[in-house]
Amino acid sequence: MINALTISSIYVLDQDAALDFYVGKLGFEVMTDLDFGGMRWLQVHLPSDPTRSILLEKPGPPSMSEDTAAQVRELLTKGATGGHLFFQTDDAHKTHAELKERGVDLPEEPITQPYGIDFGFRDPFGNHLRIAQMTPPPSA
């Protein structure tokens, strides 16, 4: 049976800009950066969780035709490709302030939800990101 999710993938328009954002601003680390001749495999992970990673994939051959890639790039910039990443933090307000200080565009302030405190934003390519400080479930 399946016992782990190891890699999630999102589309990015520029892998070097993705490195700057995910590593330089969000604090990820590069796990793998390989040139397969026509395709770059760029994988990052959080320092606290090296078993799960994100593949920062540029739409195009060999996984799709150039016509399809052009459509994906257009949808990506509109935030319509379905790329969503959900992260957890111990302190949503502190994380929000740190990201803002690093130059991340944060249109939402942290807000209290039934499950905790969270805020959302987009990466430079249109992917949706949410960061939450989860409230411990009530005792039974």
N, C-alpha and C. Protein backbone atom coordinates (compact mmCIF):
# COMPACT_ATOMS: atom_id res chain seq x y z
N MET A 1 0.84 -1.20 0.00
CA MET A 1 0.00 0.00 0.00
C MET A 1 0.87 1.25 0.00
N ILE A 2 0.25 2.34 -0.39
CA ILE A 2 0.94 3.62 -0.38
C ILE A 2 1.18 4.04 1.06
N ASN A 3 2.39 4.53 1.39
CA ASN A 3 2.66 4.91 2.77
C ASN A 3 3.27 6.30 2.94
N ALA A 4 3.46 7.05 1.84
CA ALA A 4 4.02 8.40 2.00
C ALA A 4 3.79 9.22 0.74
N LEU A 5 3.60 10.50 0.93
CA LEU A 5 3.61 11.47 -0.16
C LEU A 5 4.96 12.15 -0.09
N THR A 6 5.74 12.06 -1.15
CA THR A 6 7.10 12.59 -1.08
C THR A 6 7.31 13.85 -1.92
N ILE A 7 6.67 13.93 -3.10
CA ILE A 7 6.86 15.09 -3.98
C ILE A 7 5.51 15.62 -4.43
N SER A 8 5.32 16.92 -4.28
CA SER A 8 4.19 17.63 -4.88
C SER A 8 4.78 18.51 -5.97
N SER A 9 3.99 18.82 -6.98
CA SER A 9 4.50 19.60 -8.10
C SER A 9 3.61 20.82 -8.34
N ILE A 10 4.24 21.95 -8.62
CA ILE A 10 3.51 23.13 -9.06
C ILE A 10 4.22 23.69 -10.29
N TYR A 11 3.47 24.40 -11.11
CA TYR A 11 4.06 25.03 -12.29
C TYR A 11 4.59 26.41 -11.93
N VAL A 12 5.72 26.74 -12.51
CA VAL A 12 6.33 28.06 -12.38
C VAL A 12 6.76 28.50 -13.78
N LEU A 13 6.79 29.80 -14.01
CA LEU A 13 7.16 30.31 -15.33
C LEU A 13 8.67 30.44 -15.50
N ASP A 14 9.38 30.62 -14.40
CA ASP A 14 10.83 30.86 -14.44
C ASP A 14 11.43 30.15 -13.23
N GLN A 15 12.22 29.13 -13.46
CA GLN A 15 12.74 28.35 -12.34
C GLN A 15 13.78 29.11 -11.52
N ASP A 16 14.53 30.01 -12.12
CA ASP A 16 15.47 30.81 -11.33
C ASP A 16 14.71 31.78 -10.42
N ALA A 17 13.64 32.39 -10.94
CA ALA A 17 12.81 33.27 -10.10
C ALA A 17 12.12 32.46 -9.01
N ALA A 18 11.75 31.21 -9.32
CA ALA A 18 11.14 30.34 -8.31
C ALA A 18 12.13 30.04 -7.19
N LEU A 19 13.39 29.81 -7.55
CA LEU A 19 14.43 29.60 -6.53
C LEU A 19 14.55 30.82 -5.63
N ASP A 20 14.57 31.99 -6.24
CA ASP A 20 14.68 33.22 -5.46
C ASP A 20 13.52 33.34 -4.47
N PHE A 21 12.32 33.02 -4.92
CA PHE A 21 11.15 33.15 -4.06
C PHE A 21 11.10 32.06 -2.99
N TYR A 22 11.14 30.79 -3.41
CA TYR A 22 10.96 29.70 -2.45
C TYR A 22 12.16 29.52 -1.52
N VAL A 23 13.37 29.70 -2.03
CA VAL A 23 14.56 29.57 -1.19
C VAL A 23 14.90 30.90 -0.52
N GLY A 24 14.99 31.95 -1.33
CA GLY A 24 15.43 33.25 -0.81
C GLY A 24 14.44 33.94 0.10
N LYS A 25 13.14 33.79 -0.17
CA LYS A 25 12.13 34.50 0.63
C LYS A 25 11.38 33.61 1.60
N LEU A 26 11.05 32.39 1.19
CA LEU A 26 10.28 31.51 2.08
C LEU A 26 11.14 30.59 2.93
N GLY A 27 12.42 30.46 2.62
CA GLY A 27 13.32 29.69 3.47
C GLY A 27 13.45 28.22 3.13
N PHE A 28 13.01 27.80 1.95
CA PHE A 28 13.20 26.41 1.53
C PHE A 28 14.68 26.18 1.21
N GLU A 29 15.04 24.91 1.03
CA GLU A 29 16.37 24.52 0.60
C GLU A 29 16.27 23.75 -0.70
N VAL A 30 17.30 23.84 -1.53
CA VAL A 30 17.33 23.07 -2.77
C VAL A 30 17.63 21.61 -2.42
N MET A 31 16.81 20.72 -2.91
CA MET A 31 17.02 19.29 -2.71
C MET A 31 17.71 18.70 -3.94
N THR A 32 17.19 19.04 -5.13
CA THR A 32 17.74 18.54 -6.38
C THR A 32 17.62 19.63 -7.44
N ASP A 33 18.68 19.83 -8.20
CA ASP A 33 18.67 20.76 -9.33
C ASP A 33 19.48 20.10 -10.44
N LEU A 34 18.77 19.41 -11.34
CA LEU A 34 19.42 18.64 -12.40
C LEU A 34 18.94 19.09 -13.77
N ASP A 35 19.86 19.15 -14.71
CA ASP A 35 19.53 19.45 -16.11
C ASP A 35 19.47 18.12 -16.85
N PHE A 36 18.28 17.80 -17.36
CA PHE A 36 18.10 16.56 -18.11
C PHE A 36 18.14 16.82 -19.61
N GLY A 37 18.75 17.94 -20.02
CA GLY A 37 18.81 18.25 -21.44
C GLY A 37 17.43 18.52 -22.00
N GLY A 38 16.96 19.73 -21.85
CA GLY A 38 15.61 20.07 -22.30
C GLY A 38 14.62 20.13 -21.16
N MET A 39 15.00 19.65 -20.00
CA MET A 39 14.12 19.70 -18.83
C MET A 39 14.98 19.85 -17.57
N ARG A 40 14.60 20.77 -16.73
CA ARG A 40 15.31 20.98 -15.46
C ARG A 40 14.44 20.44 -14.33
N TRP A 41 14.99 19.53 -13.55
CA TRP A 41 14.31 18.96 -12.39
C TRP A 41 14.75 19.77 -11.17
N LEU A 42 13.85 20.64 -10.69
CA LEU A 42 14.18 21.54 -9.59
C LEU A 42 13.25 21.25 -8.43
N GLN A 43 13.82 20.73 -7.38
CA GLN A 43 13.07 20.25 -6.23
C GLN A 43 13.56 20.96 -4.97
N VAL A 44 12.62 21.49 -4.17
CA VAL A 44 12.95 22.18 -2.92
C VAL A 44 12.18 21.55 -1.77
N HIS A 45 12.71 21.76 -0.55
CA HIS A 45 12.02 21.25 0.64
C HIS A 45 12.26 22.20 1.80
N LEU A 46 11.41 22.10 2.79
CA LEU A 46 11.60 22.86 4.03
C LEU A 46 12.72 22.21 4.83
N PRO A 47 13.60 23.00 5.45
CA PRO A 47 14.68 22.42 6.25
C PRO A 47 14.15 21.49 7.35
N SER A 48 12.97 21.78 7.86
CA SER A 48 12.39 20.97 8.94
C SER A 48 11.76 19.67 8.45
N ASP A 49 11.62 19.49 7.13
CA ASP A 49 10.96 18.28 6.61
C ASP A 49 11.57 17.86 5.28
N PRO A 50 12.74 17.23 5.32
CA PRO A 50 13.40 16.83 4.07
C PRO A 50 12.75 15.64 3.37
N THR A 51 11.73 15.04 3.96
CA THR A 51 11.08 13.88 3.31
C THR A 51 10.00 14.30 2.33
N ARG A 52 9.54 15.54 2.41
CA ARG A 52 8.52 16.04 1.48
C ARG A 52 9.12 17.20 0.70
N SER A 53 8.86 17.22 -0.59
CA SER A 53 9.43 18.28 -1.41
C SER A 53 8.42 18.78 -2.44
N ILE A 54 8.79 19.90 -3.06
CA ILE A 54 7.98 20.50 -4.11
C ILE A 54 8.83 20.55 -5.37
N LEU A 55 8.30 20.00 -6.45
CA LEU A 55 8.93 20.10 -7.75
C LEU A 55 8.45 21.40 -8.39
N LEU A 56 9.38 22.30 -8.68
CA LEU A 56 9.07 23.57 -9.32
C LEU A 56 9.23 23.36 -10.83
N GLU A 57 8.12 23.04 -11.47
CA GLU A 57 8.13 22.55 -12.85
C GLU A 57 7.73 23.64 -13.84
N LYS A 58 8.52 23.79 -14.86
CA LYS A 58 8.22 24.73 -15.94
C LYS A 58 7.37 24.00 -16.98
N PRO A 59 6.17 24.54 -17.30
CA PRO A 59 5.33 23.84 -18.27
C PRO A 59 5.99 23.79 -19.64
N GLY A 60 6.02 22.63 -20.23
CA GLY A 60 6.60 22.47 -21.56
C GLY A 60 7.01 21.04 -21.82
N PRO A 61 7.62 20.82 -22.98
CA PRO A 61 8.09 19.49 -23.32
C PRO A 61 9.13 19.03 -22.29
N PRO A 62 9.27 17.77 -21.99
CA PRO A 62 8.64 16.65 -22.66
C PRO A 62 7.28 16.24 -22.09
N SER A 63 6.84 16.86 -21.00
CA SER A 63 5.58 16.41 -20.39
C SER A 63 4.34 16.91 -21.11
N MET A 64 4.46 17.94 -21.94
CA MET A 64 3.32 18.47 -22.69
C MET A 64 3.80 19.18 -23.94
N SER A 65 2.91 19.31 -24.89
CA SER A 65 3.27 20.01 -26.13
C SER A 65 3.44 21.49 -25.85
N GLU A 66 4.10 22.20 -26.76
CA GLU A 66 4.29 23.64 -26.60
C GLU A 66 2.96 24.37 -26.61
N ASP A 67 1.98 23.91 -27.43
CA ASP A 67 0.66 24.55 -27.45
C ASP A 67 -0.04 24.41 -26.10
N THR A 68 0.01 23.23 -25.52
CA THR A 68 -0.58 23.01 -24.20
C THR A 68 0.16 23.83 -23.14
N ALA A 69 1.48 23.86 -23.23
CA ALA A 69 2.29 24.63 -22.27
C ALA A 69 1.91 26.10 -22.31
N ALA A 70 1.66 26.64 -23.49
CA ALA A 70 1.26 28.05 -23.61
C ALA A 70 -0.08 28.29 -22.90
N GLN A 71 -1.00 27.34 -23.03
CA GLN A 71 -2.29 27.47 -22.34
C GLN A 71 -2.11 27.38 -20.83
N VAL A 72 -1.25 26.47 -20.38
CA VAL A 72 -0.99 26.32 -18.94
C VAL A 72 -0.36 27.60 -18.40
N ARG A 73 0.60 28.18 -19.12
CA ARG A 73 1.24 29.42 -18.67
C ARG A 73 0.21 30.55 -18.53
N GLU A 74 -0.70 30.63 -19.48
CA GLU A 74 -1.74 31.67 -19.42
C GLU A 74 -2.64 31.46 -18.20
N LEU A 75 -3.07 30.23 -17.97
CA LEU A 75 -3.92 29.94 -16.82
C LEU A 75 -3.17 30.16 -15.50
N LEU A 76 -1.90 29.81 -15.48
CA LEU A 76 -1.08 29.97 -14.27
C LEU A 76 -1.05 31.42 -13.83
N THR A 77 -0.82 32.34 -14.74
CA THR A 77 -0.74 33.76 -14.38
C THR A 77 -2.07 34.30 -13.87
N LYS A 78 -3.16 33.61 -14.17
CA LYS A 78 -4.48 34.01 -13.69
C LYS A 78 -4.83 33.32 -12.36
N GLY A 79 -3.95 32.44 -11.89
CA GLY A 79 -4.22 31.71 -10.66
C GLY A 79 -5.23 30.60 -10.85
N ALA A 80 -5.35 30.09 -12.09
CA ALA A 80 -6.40 29.13 -12.41
C ALA A 80 -5.89 27.72 -12.70
N THR A 81 -4.65 27.40 -12.35
CA THR A 81 -4.14 26.05 -12.64
C THR A 81 -4.37 25.07 -11.50
N GLY A 82 -4.87 25.53 -10.39
CA GLY A 82 -5.12 24.63 -9.27
C GLY A 82 -3.92 24.42 -8.37
N GLY A 83 -2.84 25.15 -8.59
CA GLY A 83 -1.67 25.02 -7.72
C GLY A 83 -1.95 25.62 -6.35
N HIS A 84 -2.05 24.78 -5.33
CA HIS A 84 -2.27 25.23 -3.95
C HIS A 84 -1.29 24.53 -3.04
N LEU A 85 -0.66 25.30 -2.17
CA LEU A 85 0.22 24.74 -1.14
C LEU A 85 -0.25 25.25 0.21
N PHE A 86 -0.33 24.37 1.18
CA PHE A 86 -0.77 24.72 2.53
C PHE A 86 0.37 24.41 3.49
N PHE A 87 0.74 25.41 4.26
CA PHE A 87 1.85 25.28 5.20
C PHE A 87 1.37 25.55 6.62
N GLN A 88 2.13 25.07 7.59
CA GLN A 88 1.81 25.27 8.99
C GLN A 88 2.96 26.01 9.67
N THR A 89 2.60 26.83 10.65
CA THR A 89 3.59 27.58 11.42
C THR A 89 3.16 27.57 12.89
N ASP A 90 4.09 27.85 13.77
CA ASP A 90 3.76 27.95 15.20
C ASP A 90 3.23 29.34 15.56
N ASP A 91 3.53 30.35 14.74
CA ASP A 91 3.12 31.72 15.04
C ASP A 91 2.81 32.45 13.73
N ALA A 92 1.54 32.52 13.37
CA ALA A 92 1.13 33.13 12.10
C ALA A 92 1.49 34.60 12.02
N HIS A 93 1.33 35.34 13.10
CA HIS A 93 1.63 36.77 13.09
C HIS A 93 3.14 37.02 12.88
N LYS A 94 3.97 36.24 13.55
CA LYS A 94 5.42 36.38 13.41
C LYS A 94 5.86 35.99 12.00
N THR A 95 5.33 34.89 11.48
CA THR A 95 5.67 34.45 10.13
C THR A 95 5.25 35.48 9.11
N HIS A 96 4.06 36.05 9.27
CA HIS A 96 3.57 37.09 8.36
C HIS A 96 4.53 38.28 8.36
N ALA A 97 4.94 38.72 9.54
CA ALA A 97 5.85 39.86 9.65
C ALA A 97 7.20 39.55 9.01
N GLU A 98 7.72 38.35 9.22
CA GLU A 98 9.01 37.96 8.64
C GLU A 98 8.95 37.92 7.12
N LEU A 99 7.87 37.36 6.58
CA LEU A 99 7.73 37.29 5.12
C LEU A 99 7.58 38.68 4.51
N LYS A 100 6.83 39.52 5.19
CA LYS A 100 6.65 40.90 4.71
C LYS A 100 8.01 41.62 4.69
N GLU A 101 8.80 41.41 5.73
CA GLU A 101 10.13 42.02 5.81
C GLU A 101 11.05 41.53 4.68
N ARG A 102 10.84 40.29 4.24
CA ARG A 102 11.64 39.72 3.15
C ARG A 102 11.14 40.13 1.77
N GLY A 103 10.07 40.93 1.73
CA GLY A 103 9.57 41.43 0.46
C GLY A 103 8.48 40.61 -0.20
N VAL A 104 7.87 39.67 0.54
CA VAL A 104 6.77 38.88 -0.01
C VAL A 104 5.51 39.75 -0.03
N ASP A 105 4.81 39.77 -1.15
CA ASP A 105 3.56 40.51 -1.28
C ASP A 105 2.46 39.75 -0.54
N LEU A 106 1.97 40.34 0.55
CA LEU A 106 0.98 39.68 1.41
C LEU A 106 -0.29 40.53 1.45
N PRO A 107 -1.26 40.24 0.58
CA PRO A 107 -2.48 41.03 0.55
C PRO A 107 -3.41 40.79 1.74
N GLU A 108 -3.22 39.69 2.47
CA GLU A 108 -4.07 39.36 3.62
C GLU A 108 -3.28 39.47 4.91
N GLU A 109 -3.93 39.99 5.93
CA GLU A 109 -3.38 39.95 7.29
C GLU A 109 -3.81 38.62 7.91
N PRO A 110 -3.11 38.13 8.91
CA PRO A 110 -3.55 36.92 9.60
C PRO A 110 -4.95 37.12 10.19
N ILE A 111 -5.78 36.10 10.05
CA ILE A 111 -7.16 36.18 10.53
C ILE A 111 -7.49 34.92 11.33
N THR A 112 -8.27 35.10 12.39
CA THR A 112 -8.69 33.97 13.21
C THR A 112 -9.80 33.21 12.51
N GLN A 113 -9.59 31.92 12.36
CA GLN A 113 -10.56 31.00 11.73
C GLN A 113 -10.97 29.97 12.79
N PRO A 114 -11.99 29.16 12.52
CA PRO A 114 -12.37 28.13 13.49
C PRO A 114 -11.24 27.12 13.78
N TYR A 115 -10.32 26.95 12.87
CA TYR A 115 -9.24 25.97 13.02
C TYR A 115 -7.92 26.58 13.47
N GLY A 116 -7.84 27.91 13.54
CA GLY A 116 -6.60 28.57 13.93
C GLY A 116 -6.49 29.96 13.34
N ILE A 117 -5.28 30.39 13.08
CA ILE A 117 -5.02 31.71 12.50
C ILE A 117 -4.28 31.47 11.18
N ASP A 118 -4.77 32.09 10.10
CA ASP A 118 -4.07 31.88 8.83
C ASP A 118 -4.12 33.11 7.94
N PHE A 119 -3.34 33.04 6.87
CA PHE A 119 -3.33 34.08 5.84
C PHE A 119 -2.92 33.44 4.52
N GLY A 120 -3.32 34.08 3.43
CA GLY A 120 -3.01 33.55 2.12
C GLY A 120 -2.35 34.59 1.23
N PHE A 121 -1.67 34.10 0.21
CA PHE A 121 -1.03 34.95 -0.78
C PHE A 121 -0.71 34.08 -1.99
N ARG A 122 -0.14 34.69 -3.03
CA ARG A 122 0.27 33.95 -4.22
C ARG A 122 1.76 34.08 -4.42
N ASP A 123 2.33 33.05 -5.03
CA ASP A 123 3.73 33.16 -5.42
C ASP A 123 3.81 34.04 -6.67
N PRO A 124 4.99 34.38 -7.16
CA PRO A 124 5.10 35.28 -8.31
C PRO A 124 4.48 34.74 -9.60
N PHE A 125 4.05 33.48 -9.60
CA PHE A 125 3.54 32.84 -10.81
C PHE A 125 2.02 32.65 -10.77
N GLY A 126 1.40 32.87 -9.62
CA GLY A 126 -0.05 32.72 -9.50
C GLY A 126 -0.50 31.57 -8.64
N ASN A 127 0.42 30.72 -8.15
CA ASN A 127 0.03 29.61 -7.28
C ASN A 127 -0.43 30.15 -5.93
N HIS A 128 -1.46 29.54 -5.39
CA HIS A 128 -2.03 29.95 -4.10
C HIS A 128 -1.28 29.30 -2.95
N LEU A 129 -0.93 30.09 -1.94
CA LEU A 129 -0.25 29.60 -0.74
C LEU A 129 -1.02 30.05 0.49
N ARG A 130 -1.14 29.17 1.47
CA ARG A 130 -1.77 29.51 2.75
C ARG A 130 -0.86 29.02 3.86
N ILE A 131 -0.76 29.84 4.89
CA ILE A 131 0.03 29.49 6.07
C ILE A 131 -0.88 29.58 7.28
N ALA A 132 -0.90 28.52 8.07
CA ALA A 132 -1.81 28.47 9.21
C ALA A 132 -1.10 28.09 10.50
N GLN A 133 -1.55 28.73 11.57
CA GLN A 133 -1.18 28.36 12.93
C GLN A 133 -2.39 27.62 13.45
N MET A 134 -2.29 26.31 13.56
CA MET A 134 -3.45 25.49 13.90
C MET A 134 -3.77 25.54 15.40
N THR A 135 -5.04 25.57 15.70
CA THR A 135 -5.51 25.53 17.08
C THR A 135 -5.60 24.06 17.51
N PRO A 136 -5.07 23.72 18.65
CA PRO A 136 -5.19 22.32 19.08
C PRO A 136 -6.68 21.94 19.20
N PRO A 137 -7.02 20.72 18.78
CA PRO A 137 -8.41 20.29 18.90
C PRO A 137 -8.83 20.23 20.36
N PRO A 138 -10.12 20.49 20.63
CA PRO A 138 -10.59 20.43 22.02
C PRO A 138 -10.46 19.01 22.57
N SER A 139 -10.21 18.92 23.87
CA SER A 139 -10.10 17.60 24.51
C SER A 139 -11.46 16.93 24.52
N ALA A 140 -11.41 15.62 24.42
CA ALA A 140 -12.66 14.84 24.40
C ALA A 140 -13.25 14.75 25.79
